[in-house]
Each structure stands twice: as C-alpha cells, then as structure tokens.
Amino acid sequence: MSRYDSRSADPGSYRDRKSDSGFGGASGYGGARSSSSRRDYDGAETPRKLDLDGLTPFEKNFYAESASVAEMSERDVEEYRRRREITVEGRDVPKPVKAFRDVGFPDYVMQEIAKAGFTEPTAIQAQGWPMALKGRDLIGIAETGSGKTLAYLLPAIVHVNAQPILAPGDGPIVLVLAPTRELAVQIQQEATKFGASSRIKNTCIYGGVPKGPQVRDLQKGVEIVIATPGRLIDMLETHQTNLRRVTYLVLDEADRMLDMGFEPQIQKIVSQIRPDRQTLYWSATWPKEVEQLARRFLYSPYKVVIGSPDLKANHAIRQHVEIVSENQKYNKLVKLLEDIMDGSRILVFMDTKKGCDQITRQLRMDGWPALSIHGDKSQAERDWVLSEFKAGKSPIMTATDVAARGLDVKDVKYVINYDFPGSLEDYVHRIGRTGRAGAKGTAYTFFTAANARFAKDLINILEEAGQKVSPELAAMGRGAPPPPGLGGFRDRGRGYGGGRSWN
C-alpha cells in the first residue's frame, strides 16, 4: 500500500497508487539517455517515444479541477493572470487557483498551510500548483522571495505520499538540486516543516561539513534529498545512495547553477534518473544558456512566468547608485553606515573572499559590528555568522555572492553593493535580499569606471522600477567617461548621524 493511501484522510480527487513493487528494486537506470528518450522542449506532444523498458510505472497526475475553478470563464482566467502578472505557455494549461481550498491538497498539507498563517497563494503558487500536480514538466520563472519553494515542495509531498514506501537500499523519491549550501538548508527547513505531518524524511547533502551524518541519513532511507551537485556526485560515486527511485526532480536557481559552472555535474546526475520522471525547473532569469539546458531535460513542459521575462528589480526596493573611484569606496561606506545605521540588518556585498575579510577587519577596527560570510569559511562558521546576523548581535554582514541566493533573513533593511557584481542578474538577486515578503527595502551601489559596460542595462533596471537615474550614470550609459569627485547619494531619507544607536 502506498504512503498516500495509508495517511491521507481524504484521497478524493487523487488517484491511488496501489502497488507493493517499487522502482528501487529494479535494475538501475544509469548512463546517458539514448536519442530516442531525449525530452523535447517545444510545448507540444513529441512523436518520439521514451525508452521505458523494464521501468515500473508510477503515478504523477494528482490534480482534479475544483468546481469553483471550473466555473471560471476564459475571460475570468485572463483577467486574473493579467492582474497577477502571470504568463503561461504550453499544451492544455490548467486554470490558476485563487484559494488554497481550490488546489485539492489533502488534509495533511492543508493543516500545514493553515499553521503557517498563509492567506492566499502567491502568483507562482496559484498557477504553478495545478501545473505541478498534473505531473507534467514545468518551467517556472519568478523572482526570489516569490514563494516558489512551496510551489514545488507541496506537490512533491503529495507525489511522495502516492508512491510505494521505501525499501532497504532505496534512494530518494524526490531530488532537489540547489547551487549553494545556504539555499539547500533553507529548502530543507521548509521540507521538514511541511513534510512532518506525513512523516516524510529528508536530508540535506552539501560540502564543507563531515560526510558521516549525511551518509547515515542516506543509508537509513529518506524520501526527499536536497543537494548541491558536487557533494551529491561524491555520494553517488561512493555508492552511499542511488537515484533509481527518483520520479520527481527539481532544479532550483538553475541560472545560478550555470553561473557557477555546474552544468557538467547536472548532466551527470540527470543521466542517472529515469527519463519519465517529472522535472520542475526554476529560475529567476531566462538567459539563453538556461533555456538550452531546459531543452535537454524537459519533455513537453508547461512554462509560467511571473512578471516580465525581462530582468527587473523588485519595485519595493529603493535603489541608489553612486559613481565613485575604487579608492573612495571605504570612506564612502563608513559615511553611509553613519547615515543609515539604526540597529537594522545591513548586508554588504563584495566580489572576493579576500576583499570580504579585509573590509570586515577594517570595519571592526573602526568600531563597526561586522562579520563576514563566504565560501572559504567552514559550514559551522557560516552558520554561526548567519545566526549572529539574524539575531541582530552583528547587524552588519559582509558577503560574497554565496549569500545572494538562498539567504532567508526576513528583515534585512539595507543592501550595499560595495563591489558591483559580474552580471545584472546577480545585481537583481543581491538587492532582492531586502524588500522581501511585501516589506520595503533600500539598496545602495558603488559604481566605478570599471563597471561602465553595465551602465546602460543598469539604467534600464532603474527606470523600469521607477527609480531616479543620476546625470553621471546617465552619461556613462551614453558612453561618456565618469567625471572625478562625484557627490553622495540622493534622497537617502532619514539619517541617524554618527551616534550609532546600536551601541
């Protein structure tokens, strides 16, 4: 009997999977897929047949449209999508849901939603949940902080509970790949919270910490594995787990994984998963490289875009850009901290680990409560720094881009780009650490002559968000050289002087 059958009080619209034979006991599906089993990314049915010989069938369609959703006319649907900035592509796209009760989640999921105090689905959830529950592959494009983690985790929990219970030696049923440890840990926290009522076990697999506890979790058997690609491959190569039972695959922050050079590892991992799995592919941006990767892994997918597919910043964030020279930066940073410091959390981004440590050391010598977080620090140290920052004991945290994604601190009031990042996508993600969950936030950016190639696109992002563009930045966008000795930030709002009330 499946876990879903034994634990759901009301199977209702969900199809039961009554089978006592799992895929885990069958011969492994390894190696690269043949050309006959490649997945098409075209939004239409493919004439090619997936090579499924020897694979045990499994259930993945759990969606039945509620009466209230069925009653929505096409005009109602179009109006709702327009109002919530939802764009969809694909064959037989389901209507969005307006309320949690319309999704058809079983009671154990609804209880967790009620406990969390959510009032209505976010835009990505309203459209993404029906898509994911139908069992089709899915591309979701939405900015960070939009609720996409639960957009794939809650259907994953339903999916797990409909599959045969794990047998000894079985690997996970759900695999979530994430680019950074911080994001992986954040996803695990949500999986633990929402999977507890149906006793779904999970583990988080990432580098920088001892392997022992992770190995023990895998050997005991877990339904959900959240992993960074490198450590997962290590576990696969040492036979600590296998991917033969994975039927629900999530690639979260796919654009960031490509930026970090994970494409070969992703291909290696995906080649070991059965080709008829359900794959959900999440990204905040949609550059050509991300689309090309999606073409390899997805079959006749739905695509949902929240907001414009063009790169844009959260409109709840006030953005200030000041053109400075490299040797002005530190003094400008201190002056800015004197103006804004009120005990609120301030996140300062640097390009390099070395720069991160140097600036943090200098700030501490000058009496500022700063700590740093970057990839060379041990996981224990990173966890400690993050806890000090969250608790407000050290309200200033310097970070490399390791913290730009997956850092879930709900009350970061200010983001400072001490160094401008290497891409506009990273700029949007960095400043997106403030202004989360409907709050307002402010981002300050130091922009040098070395960053001039980004001026034009940065101006587009600022203008789209209704922000002021300084004459100096506008001139750089037209190709003019930056003049020396420019002034400070404009419209900074209430300052706090040099009193440092946090002391």
Protein backbone atom coordinates (compact mmCIF):
# COMPACT_ATOMS: atom_id res chain seq x y z
CA MET A 1 0.00 0.00 0.00
CA SER A 2 1.31 3.46 -0.78
CA ARG A 3 2.02 6.04 1.89
CA TYR A 4 -0.62 8.26 0.36
CA ASP A 5 -3.26 5.53 0.80
CA SER A 6 -2.33 4.96 4.43
CA ARG A 7 -2.01 8.59 5.54
CA SER A 8 -4.47 10.67 3.62
CA ALA A 9 -7.81 11.12 5.31
CA ASP A 10 -9.48 12.00 2.04
CA PRO A 11 -7.92 10.76 -1.19
CA GLY A 12 -10.76 12.50 -3.02
CA SER A 13 -9.51 13.65 -6.35
CA TYR A 14 -6.11 11.97 -6.08
CA ARG A 15 -5.55 8.72 -7.88
CA ASP A 16 -4.36 5.89 -5.63
CA ARG A 17 -1.21 4.02 -6.49
CA LYS A 18 -1.78 0.53 -5.07
CA SER A 19 1.45 -1.25 -5.72
CA ASP A 20 3.86 -3.04 -3.46
CA SER A 21 6.65 -3.12 -6.02
CA GLY A 22 8.90 -0.07 -6.23
CA PHE A 23 11.33 1.06 -8.87
CA GLY A 24 14.12 0.82 -6.31
CA GLY A 25 14.24 -2.94 -6.51
CA ALA A 26 14.59 -2.96 -10.27
CA SER A 27 17.79 -2.70 -12.20
CA GLY A 28 19.29 0.77 -12.11
CA TYR A 29 18.73 3.32 -14.80
CA GLY A 30 22.16 4.73 -15.49
CA GLY A 31 24.23 6.23 -18.25
CA ALA A 32 23.23 8.75 -20.85
CA ARG A 33 19.80 8.52 -22.42
CA SER A 34 19.59 7.31 -25.97
CA SER A 35 18.43 9.76 -28.61
CA SER A 36 15.04 8.03 -28.62
CA SER A 37 14.49 9.01 -24.99
CA ARG A 38 15.52 12.64 -25.14
CA ARG A 39 12.99 15.15 -23.96
CA ASP A 40 11.59 17.77 -26.29
CA TYR A 41 11.20 21.37 -25.21
CA ASP A 42 8.54 22.56 -27.60
CA GLY A 43 5.33 22.83 -25.64
CA ALA A 44 3.73 20.13 -27.80
CA GLU A 45 3.48 16.36 -27.78
CA THR A 46 6.61 14.76 -29.15
CA PRO A 47 6.41 11.92 -31.68
CA ARG A 48 9.40 10.25 -30.05
CA LYS A 49 8.77 7.51 -27.53
CA LEU A 50 10.55 7.46 -24.20
CA ASP A 51 12.56 4.29 -23.62
CA LEU A 52 10.86 2.88 -20.52
CA ASP A 53 11.62 -0.82 -20.91
CA GLY A 54 11.92 -2.50 -17.52
CA LEU A 55 10.79 0.52 -15.51
CA THR A 56 7.91 0.14 -13.07
CA PRO A 57 5.10 2.60 -13.90
CA PHE A 58 4.32 5.27 -11.30
CA GLU A 59 1.55 7.79 -10.72
CA LYS A 60 2.23 11.50 -11.07
CA ASN A 61 -1.09 13.13 -12.01
CA PHE A 62 -2.93 14.15 -8.84
CA TYR A 63 -4.93 17.13 -9.99
CA ALA A 64 -8.69 17.41 -10.31
CA GLU A 65 -10.13 20.84 -11.01
CA SER A 66 -12.41 22.14 -8.25
CA ALA A 67 -15.93 23.31 -9.06
CA SER A 68 -15.08 26.97 -8.36
CA VAL A 69 -12.05 26.84 -10.68
CA ALA A 70 -14.05 25.03 -13.38
CA GLU A 71 -16.64 27.83 -13.25
CA MET A 72 -14.04 30.46 -14.17
CA SER A 73 -14.61 31.66 -17.72
CA GLU A 74 -11.72 32.24 -20.09
CA ARG A 75 -12.22 35.95 -19.52
CA ASP A 76 -12.01 35.42 -15.73
CA VAL A 77 -8.79 33.47 -16.19
CA GLU A 78 -7.25 36.10 -18.44
CA GLU A 79 -8.18 38.89 -16.04
CA TYR A 80 -6.74 37.01 -13.04
CA ARG A 81 -3.49 36.28 -14.87
CA ARG A 82 -3.24 39.87 -16.07
CA ARG A 83 -3.78 41.24 -12.57
CA ARG A 84 -1.15 38.95 -11.05
CA GLU A 85 1.27 39.29 -13.99
CA ILE A 86 1.13 35.58 -14.88
CA THR A 87 2.17 34.49 -18.38
CA VAL A 88 1.79 30.86 -19.44
CA GLU A 89 2.88 28.64 -22.32
CA GLY A 90 2.25 25.00 -23.14
CA ARG A 91 -0.40 22.49 -24.09
CA ASP A 92 -3.62 22.21 -22.03
CA VAL A 93 -2.52 24.71 -19.38
CA PRO A 94 -4.73 24.41 -16.26
CA LYS A 95 -6.56 27.41 -14.90
CA PRO A 96 -4.97 29.15 -11.89
CA VAL A 97 -6.40 28.68 -8.41
CA LYS A 98 -7.45 31.63 -6.28
CA ALA A 99 -7.63 29.92 -2.90
CA PHE A 100 -5.84 27.07 -1.13
CA ARG A 101 -9.03 25.03 -0.94
CA ASP A 102 -9.20 25.01 -4.76
CA VAL A 103 -5.91 23.16 -5.16
CA GLY A 104 -7.28 19.90 -3.80
CA PHE A 105 -4.38 19.36 -1.42
CA PRO A 106 -5.04 16.55 1.07
CA ASP A 107 -5.84 17.42 4.69
CA TYR A 108 -2.31 16.88 5.98
CA VAL A 109 -0.98 19.55 3.58
CA MET A 110 -3.86 21.96 4.28
CA GLN A 111 -3.17 21.71 8.02
CA GLU A 112 0.43 22.83 7.47
CA ILE A 113 -0.70 25.73 5.27
CA ALA A 114 -3.14 26.84 7.99
CA LYS A 115 -0.40 26.55 10.63
CA ALA A 116 1.89 28.77 8.54
CA GLY A 117 -0.76 31.50 8.52
CA PHE A 118 -0.84 31.99 4.73
CA THR A 119 -3.91 33.85 3.45
CA GLU A 120 -3.79 33.19 -0.30
CA PRO A 121 -1.44 31.57 -2.82
CA THR A 122 1.30 33.73 -4.31
CA ALA A 123 1.16 34.22 -8.08
CA ILE A 124 3.67 31.43 -8.79
CA GLN A 125 1.77 29.08 -6.46
CA ALA A 126 -1.65 29.95 -7.92
CA GLN A 127 -0.55 28.87 -11.39
CA GLY A 128 2.32 26.51 -10.53
CA TRP A 129 0.47 24.16 -8.18
CA PRO A 130 -2.12 22.94 -10.72
CA MET A 131 0.67 22.52 -13.29
CA ALA A 132 2.93 20.55 -10.93
CA LEU A 133 0.10 18.37 -9.59
CA LYS A 134 -0.85 17.35 -13.13
CA GLY A 135 2.51 15.58 -13.32
CA ARG A 136 3.84 17.48 -16.32
CA ASP A 137 7.29 19.01 -16.60
CA LEU A 138 7.34 22.65 -15.61
CA ILE A 139 9.48 25.74 -16.15
CA GLY A 140 8.88 28.42 -13.52
CA ILE A 141 10.41 31.89 -13.88
CA ALA A 142 9.90 34.07 -10.82
CA GLU A 143 11.96 36.46 -8.73
CA THR A 144 13.41 35.40 -5.39
CA GLY A 145 11.05 35.69 -2.45
CA SER A 146 8.02 34.83 -4.62
CA GLY A 147 7.03 31.61 -2.84
CA LYS A 148 8.45 29.21 -5.42
CA THR A 149 9.96 26.84 -2.81
CA LEU A 150 6.48 25.79 -1.67
CA ALA A 151 5.33 25.88 -5.31
CA TYR A 152 7.36 22.72 -5.86
CA LEU A 153 7.62 21.28 -2.31
CA LEU A 154 3.92 20.81 -1.58
CA PRO A 155 3.28 18.89 -4.84
CA ALA A 156 6.45 16.92 -4.03
CA ILE A 157 4.97 15.86 -0.69
CA VAL A 158 1.76 14.72 -2.41
CA HIS A 159 3.88 12.88 -5.00
CA VAL A 160 5.91 11.06 -2.33
CA ASN A 161 2.82 10.00 -0.40
CA ALA A 162 1.39 8.37 -3.52
CA GLN A 163 4.45 6.18 -4.16
CA PRO A 164 5.32 2.80 -2.62
CA ILE A 165 7.12 3.09 0.71
CA LEU A 166 10.92 2.94 0.52
CA ALA A 167 12.54 -0.48 0.71
CA PRO A 168 16.02 -1.08 2.22
CA GLY A 169 18.66 0.23 -0.18
CA ASP A 170 16.29 2.59 -1.98
CA GLY A 171 17.42 6.11 -2.78
CA PRO A 172 15.12 9.15 -2.63
CA ILE A 173 11.85 9.69 -4.50
CA VAL A 174 12.31 13.47 -4.72
CA LEU A 175 15.62 15.14 -5.58
CA VAL A 176 16.06 18.91 -5.30
CA LEU A 177 19.30 20.36 -6.71
CA ALA A 178 20.39 23.79 -5.45
CA PRO A 179 23.51 25.86 -6.18
CA THR A 180 24.55 26.80 -2.63
CA ARG A 181 24.57 25.33 0.86
CA GLU A 182 22.52 28.23 2.19
CA LEU A 183 19.71 27.70 -0.31
CA ALA A 184 19.79 23.93 0.24
CA VAL A 185 19.45 24.38 4.01
CA GLN A 186 16.60 26.85 3.55
CA ILE A 187 14.75 24.38 1.30
CA GLN A 188 15.30 21.61 3.86
CA GLN A 189 13.73 23.73 6.61
CA GLU A 190 10.57 24.10 4.52
CA ALA A 191 10.57 20.40 3.60
CA THR A 192 10.86 19.46 7.28
CA LYS A 193 8.08 21.82 8.32
CA PHE A 194 5.58 20.79 5.65
CA GLY A 195 6.52 17.10 5.46
CA ALA A 196 6.30 16.43 9.20
CA SER A 197 2.56 15.62 9.28
CA SER A 198 3.02 12.69 6.87
CA ARG A 199 6.36 11.61 8.37
CA ILE A 200 8.35 12.24 5.21
CA LYS A 201 12.08 12.08 5.91
CA ASN A 202 14.58 14.37 4.22
CA THR A 203 18.26 15.15 4.32
CA CYS A 204 20.49 17.91 3.02
CA ILE A 205 23.65 16.91 1.12
CA TYR A 206 26.32 19.60 0.71
CA GLY A 207 30.07 20.06 1.01
CA GLY A 208 32.10 21.77 3.70
CA VAL A 209 30.86 19.56 6.54
CA PRO A 210 31.66 15.96 7.61
CA LYS A 211 30.05 13.30 5.44
CA GLY A 212 29.19 10.93 8.30
CA PRO A 213 25.77 12.29 9.33
CA GLN A 214 24.73 12.72 5.68
CA VAL A 215 25.78 9.14 4.87
CA ARG A 216 23.82 7.81 7.86
CA ASP A 217 20.69 9.67 6.73
CA LEU A 218 21.00 8.23 3.22
CA GLN A 219 21.56 4.70 4.50
CA LYS A 220 18.51 4.87 6.77
CA GLY A 221 16.43 5.94 3.76
CA VAL A 222 14.95 9.37 3.03
CA GLU A 223 12.17 10.29 0.64
CA ILE A 224 13.49 13.78 -0.15
CA VAL A 225 17.12 14.71 -0.80
CA ILE A 226 18.10 18.36 -1.17
CA ALA A 227 21.64 18.59 -2.53
CA THR A 228 24.36 20.68 -4.07
CA PRO A 229 25.69 18.92 -7.18
CA GLY A 230 29.31 18.29 -6.10
CA ARG A 231 28.61 16.51 -2.81
CA LEU A 232 25.76 14.51 -4.35
CA ILE A 233 28.06 13.16 -7.07
CA ASP A 234 30.53 12.21 -4.34
CA MET A 235 27.78 10.25 -2.57
CA LEU A 236 26.76 8.54 -5.81
CA GLU A 237 30.32 7.58 -6.75
CA THR A 238 30.94 6.06 -3.32
CA HIS A 239 27.61 4.17 -3.55
CA GLN A 240 26.10 5.83 -0.48
CA THR A 241 22.87 6.36 -2.41
CA ASN A 242 21.34 5.94 -5.87
CA LEU A 243 18.80 7.79 -7.99
CA ARG A 244 16.88 4.78 -9.31
CA ARG A 245 13.68 5.72 -7.50
CA VAL A 246 13.74 9.46 -8.26
CA THR A 247 10.49 10.30 -10.05
CA TYR A 248 10.29 14.00 -9.10
CA LEU A 249 13.32 16.16 -9.92
CA VAL A 250 13.66 19.87 -9.08
CA LEU A 251 16.40 22.17 -10.36
CA ASP A 252 16.17 25.30 -8.23
CA GLU A 253 18.01 28.51 -9.18
CA ALA A 254 19.05 26.92 -12.47
CA ASP A 255 20.55 30.18 -13.72
CA ARG A 256 22.81 30.39 -10.68
CA MET A 257 23.93 26.77 -11.08
CA LEU A 258 25.01 27.55 -14.64
CA ASP A 259 26.81 30.70 -13.48
CA MET A 260 28.72 28.58 -11.00
CA GLY A 261 29.77 26.07 -13.67
CA PHE A 262 27.62 23.16 -12.52
CA GLU A 263 26.32 22.14 -15.96
CA PRO A 264 28.56 19.02 -16.30
CA GLN A 265 27.59 17.86 -12.81
CA ILE A 266 23.89 18.42 -13.50
CA GLN A 267 24.13 16.39 -16.71
CA LYS A 268 25.92 13.59 -14.88
CA ILE A 269 23.26 13.49 -12.16
CA VAL A 270 20.28 13.67 -14.52
CA SER A 271 21.70 10.85 -16.66
CA GLN A 272 21.19 8.51 -13.69
CA ILE A 273 17.47 9.32 -13.28
CA ARG A 274 14.70 7.54 -15.17
CA PRO A 275 13.61 9.51 -18.26
CA ASP A 276 9.87 9.51 -17.45
CA ARG A 277 10.40 11.43 -14.22
CA GLN A 278 8.62 14.71 -13.60
CA THR A 279 11.08 17.61 -13.82
CA LEU A 280 10.49 21.10 -12.42
CA TYR A 281 12.94 23.75 -13.49
CA TRP A 282 13.08 27.01 -11.57
CA SER A 283 14.98 30.15 -12.43
CA ALA A 284 14.78 33.84 -11.64
CA THR A 285 16.05 34.76 -15.11
CA TRP A 286 15.80 33.14 -18.55
CA PRO A 287 19.08 33.66 -20.42
CA LYS A 288 19.84 31.53 -23.49
CA GLU A 289 22.08 29.16 -21.51
CA VAL A 290 19.25 28.33 -19.10
CA GLU A 291 16.85 27.71 -21.99
CA GLN A 292 19.36 25.40 -23.69
CA LEU A 293 19.73 23.35 -20.53
CA ALA A 294 15.95 23.14 -20.20
CA ARG A 295 15.68 21.79 -23.75
CA ARG A 296 17.85 18.83 -22.75
CA PHE A 297 15.97 17.84 -19.63
CA LEU A 298 12.30 18.71 -20.16
CA TYR A 299 9.55 16.98 -22.09
CA SER A 300 6.52 18.93 -23.34
CA PRO A 301 6.69 21.35 -20.39
CA TYR A 302 4.39 23.99 -19.08
CA LYS A 303 6.05 27.37 -18.66
CA VAL A 304 4.88 30.01 -16.23
CA VAL A 305 6.49 33.45 -15.93
CA ILE A 306 5.63 35.81 -13.10
CA GLY A 307 6.08 39.43 -14.13
CA SER A 308 8.10 40.31 -17.20
CA PRO A 309 10.55 37.71 -18.51
CA ASP A 310 12.95 40.64 -18.87
CA LEU A 311 15.29 41.22 -15.96
CA LYS A 312 13.80 43.60 -13.43
CA ALA A 313 14.15 44.51 -9.77
CA ASN A 314 11.57 44.32 -7.00
CA HIS A 315 9.64 47.61 -7.05
CA ALA A 316 9.50 47.64 -3.24
CA ILE A 317 13.26 48.36 -3.15
CA ARG A 318 14.60 51.91 -3.42
CA GLN A 319 17.79 51.84 -5.47
CA HIS A 320 20.58 54.40 -5.18
CA VAL A 321 23.66 54.23 -7.41
CA GLU A 322 26.71 56.41 -6.78
CA ILE A 323 29.66 56.64 -9.16
CA VAL A 324 32.90 56.50 -7.19
CA SER A 325 36.57 55.71 -7.69
CA GLU A 326 37.95 52.49 -6.22
CA ASN A 327 39.94 54.28 -3.51
CA GLN A 328 36.87 56.26 -2.36
CA LYS A 329 34.84 53.17 -1.55
CA TYR A 330 35.79 52.52 2.06
CA ASN A 331 35.33 56.11 3.22
CA LYS A 332 32.02 56.25 1.34
CA LEU A 333 30.94 53.02 3.07
CA VAL A 334 31.71 54.39 6.53
CA LYS A 335 29.89 57.66 5.79
CA LEU A 336 26.90 55.69 4.52
CA LEU A 337 26.85 53.48 7.61
CA GLU A 338 26.92 56.57 9.81
CA ASP A 339 23.87 57.88 7.95
CA ILE A 340 21.73 54.74 7.94
CA MET A 341 22.82 52.69 10.97
CA ASP A 342 19.90 52.27 13.36
CA GLY A 343 20.38 48.68 14.51
CA SER A 344 18.72 47.26 11.39
CA ARG A 345 20.41 44.47 9.46
CA ILE A 346 22.74 45.68 6.72
CA LEU A 347 24.14 43.31 4.09
CA VAL A 348 27.31 44.44 2.28
CA PHE A 349 28.32 42.57 -0.89
CA MET A 350 31.91 42.15 -2.09
CA ASP A 351 33.29 40.43 -5.17
CA THR A 352 36.08 38.43 -3.49
CA LYS A 353 36.60 36.43 -0.32
CA LYS A 354 39.83 38.35 0.33
CA GLY A 355 38.06 41.70 -0.04
CA CYS A 356 35.29 40.47 2.23
CA ASP A 357 37.74 39.64 5.02
CA GLN A 358 39.77 42.84 4.56
CA ILE A 359 36.79 45.18 4.71
CA THR A 360 35.29 43.30 7.65
CA ARG A 361 38.57 43.52 9.55
CA GLN A 362 38.82 47.26 8.84
CA LEU A 363 35.21 47.86 9.88
CA ARG A 364 35.76 46.04 13.18
CA MET A 365 38.95 48.01 13.82
CA ASP A 366 36.88 51.17 13.29
CA GLY A 367 34.29 50.01 15.79
CA TRP A 368 31.56 48.67 13.49
CA PRO A 369 29.86 45.35 14.46
CA ALA A 370 30.62 43.41 11.26
CA LEU A 371 31.09 39.73 10.44
CA SER A 372 31.70 38.08 7.07
CA ILE A 373 30.40 35.03 5.22
CA HIS A 374 31.91 33.41 2.12
CA GLY A 375 32.75 30.07 0.55
CA ASP A 376 36.13 29.55 2.26
CA LYS A 377 34.59 29.54 5.72
CA SER A 378 33.54 26.24 7.28
CA GLN A 379 29.84 25.48 7.39
CA ALA A 380 29.88 25.77 11.18
CA GLU A 381 31.37 29.26 10.97
CA ARG A 382 28.93 30.30 8.25
CA ASP A 383 26.02 29.05 10.36
CA TRP A 384 27.30 30.98 13.39
CA VAL A 385 27.77 34.22 11.43
CA LEU A 386 24.29 33.89 9.98
CA SER A 387 22.75 33.28 13.41
CA GLU A 388 24.54 36.36 14.83
CA PHE A 389 23.25 38.42 11.90
CA LYS A 390 19.68 37.13 12.19
CA ALA A 391 19.66 37.79 15.94
CA GLY A 392 20.92 41.34 15.39
CA LYS A 393 24.02 40.77 17.52
CA SER A 394 26.12 41.67 14.49
CA PRO A 395 23.83 43.86 12.36
CA ILE A 396 26.40 44.28 9.57
CA MET A 397 27.32 41.24 7.47
CA THR A 398 29.70 41.32 4.52
CA ALA A 399 29.28 38.57 1.96
CA THR A 400 30.30 37.29 -1.43
CA ASP A 401 27.60 36.11 -3.84
CA VAL A 402 27.30 32.88 -1.86
CA ALA A 403 24.73 34.82 0.19
CA ALA A 404 22.92 36.43 -2.74
CA ARG A 405 20.66 33.44 -3.24
CA GLY A 406 19.09 31.33 -0.57
CA LEU A 407 19.78 33.80 2.24
CA ASP A 408 16.44 33.99 4.01
CA VAL A 409 16.66 36.80 6.55
CA LYS A 410 13.28 38.48 6.54
CA ASP A 411 14.24 41.88 7.92
CA VAL A 412 17.33 43.00 6.00
CA LYS A 413 16.66 46.73 5.71
CA TYR A 414 19.65 47.75 3.59
CA VAL A 415 21.81 46.10 0.93
CA ILE A 416 25.08 47.77 -0.06
CA ASN A 417 26.93 46.71 -3.22
CA TYR A 418 30.49 47.66 -2.21
CA ASP A 419 31.63 45.94 -5.42
CA PHE A 420 29.31 45.84 -8.41
CA PRO A 421 28.63 42.18 -9.35
CA GLY A 422 29.71 40.47 -12.55
CA SER A 423 26.20 40.39 -14.05
CA LEU A 424 22.92 42.28 -13.89
CA GLU A 425 21.21 39.05 -12.78
CA ASP A 426 23.42 38.98 -9.70
CA TYR A 427 22.66 42.66 -9.06
CA VAL A 428 18.94 41.89 -9.00
CA HIS A 429 19.46 38.91 -6.71
CA ARG A 430 21.71 40.81 -4.34
CA ILE A 431 19.35 43.71 -3.83
CA GLY A 432 16.50 41.19 -3.57
CA ARG A 433 17.78 40.24 -0.11
CA THR A 434 15.86 43.28 1.13
CA GLY A 435 12.24 44.17 0.37
CA ARG A 436 11.11 40.56 0.99
CA ALA A 437 7.61 39.31 1.79
CA GLY A 438 5.99 42.65 0.98
CA ALA A 439 8.38 44.77 3.09
CA LYS A 440 10.17 47.87 1.82
CA GLY A 441 13.94 47.95 1.43
CA THR A 442 16.79 50.12 0.22
CA ALA A 443 19.85 49.23 -1.88
CA TYR A 444 22.99 51.36 -2.31
CA THR A 445 25.51 50.61 -5.04
CA PHE A 446 29.05 51.85 -5.62
CA PHE A 447 29.66 52.02 -9.37
CA THR A 448 33.14 52.58 -10.82
CA ALA A 449 34.61 53.25 -14.25
CA ALA A 450 35.47 49.53 -14.41
CA ASN A 451 31.72 48.77 -14.30
CA ALA A 452 30.85 51.10 -17.21
CA ARG A 453 29.83 48.24 -19.51
CA PHE A 454 26.85 47.58 -17.20
CA ALA A 455 25.66 51.21 -17.14
CA LYS A 456 23.10 51.01 -19.93
CA ASP A 457 21.40 47.84 -18.65
CA LEU A 458 21.51 49.09 -15.05
CA ILE A 459 19.75 52.28 -16.17
CA ASN A 460 17.03 50.13 -17.77
CA ILE A 461 16.51 48.26 -14.48
CA LEU A 462 16.35 51.51 -12.52
CA GLU A 463 13.92 53.15 -14.94
CA GLU A 464 11.66 50.09 -15.08
CA ALA A 465 11.40 50.20 -11.28
CA GLY A 466 10.64 53.95 -11.30
CA GLN A 467 13.96 54.90 -9.69
CA LYS A 468 15.98 58.08 -10.25
CA VAL A 469 18.98 57.88 -12.57
CA SER A 470 21.76 60.31 -11.70
CA PRO A 471 23.12 62.53 -14.50
CA GLU A 472 26.55 60.91 -14.01
CA LEU A 473 25.20 57.39 -14.52
CA ALA A 474 23.10 58.55 -17.48
CA ALA A 475 26.25 60.00 -19.06
CA MET A 476 28.08 56.70 -18.54
CA GLY A 477 25.16 54.91 -20.18
CA ARG A 478 25.72 57.09 -23.25
CA GLY A 479 29.41 56.17 -23.27
CA ALA A 480 30.82 59.29 -21.60
CA PRO A 481 33.73 58.83 -19.16
CA PRO A 482 32.86 59.24 -15.46
CA PRO A 483 33.95 62.61 -14.04
CA PRO A 484 36.08 62.54 -10.86
CA GLY A 485 34.97 63.60 -7.38
CA LEU A 486 31.24 62.97 -7.60
CA GLY A 487 28.86 63.61 -4.72
CA GLY A 488 26.88 61.30 -2.48
CA PHE A 489 23.55 59.50 -2.55
CA ARG A 490 20.40 61.48 -3.16
CA ASP A 491 17.07 61.16 -1.35
CA ARG A 492 18.59 58.98 1.27
CA GLY A 493 15.80 59.61 3.70
CA ARG A 494 16.13 59.92 7.47
CA GLY A 495 19.69 59.66 8.68
CA TYR A 496 20.91 58.55 12.06
CA GLY A 497 24.09 60.62 12.19
CA GLY A 498 27.22 59.25 13.77
CA GLY A 499 25.59 58.42 17.09
CA ARG A 500 25.49 54.66 16.39
CA SER A 501 22.40 53.91 18.45
CA TRP A 502 23.11 50.18 18.20
CA ASN A 503 25.85 50.62 20.78
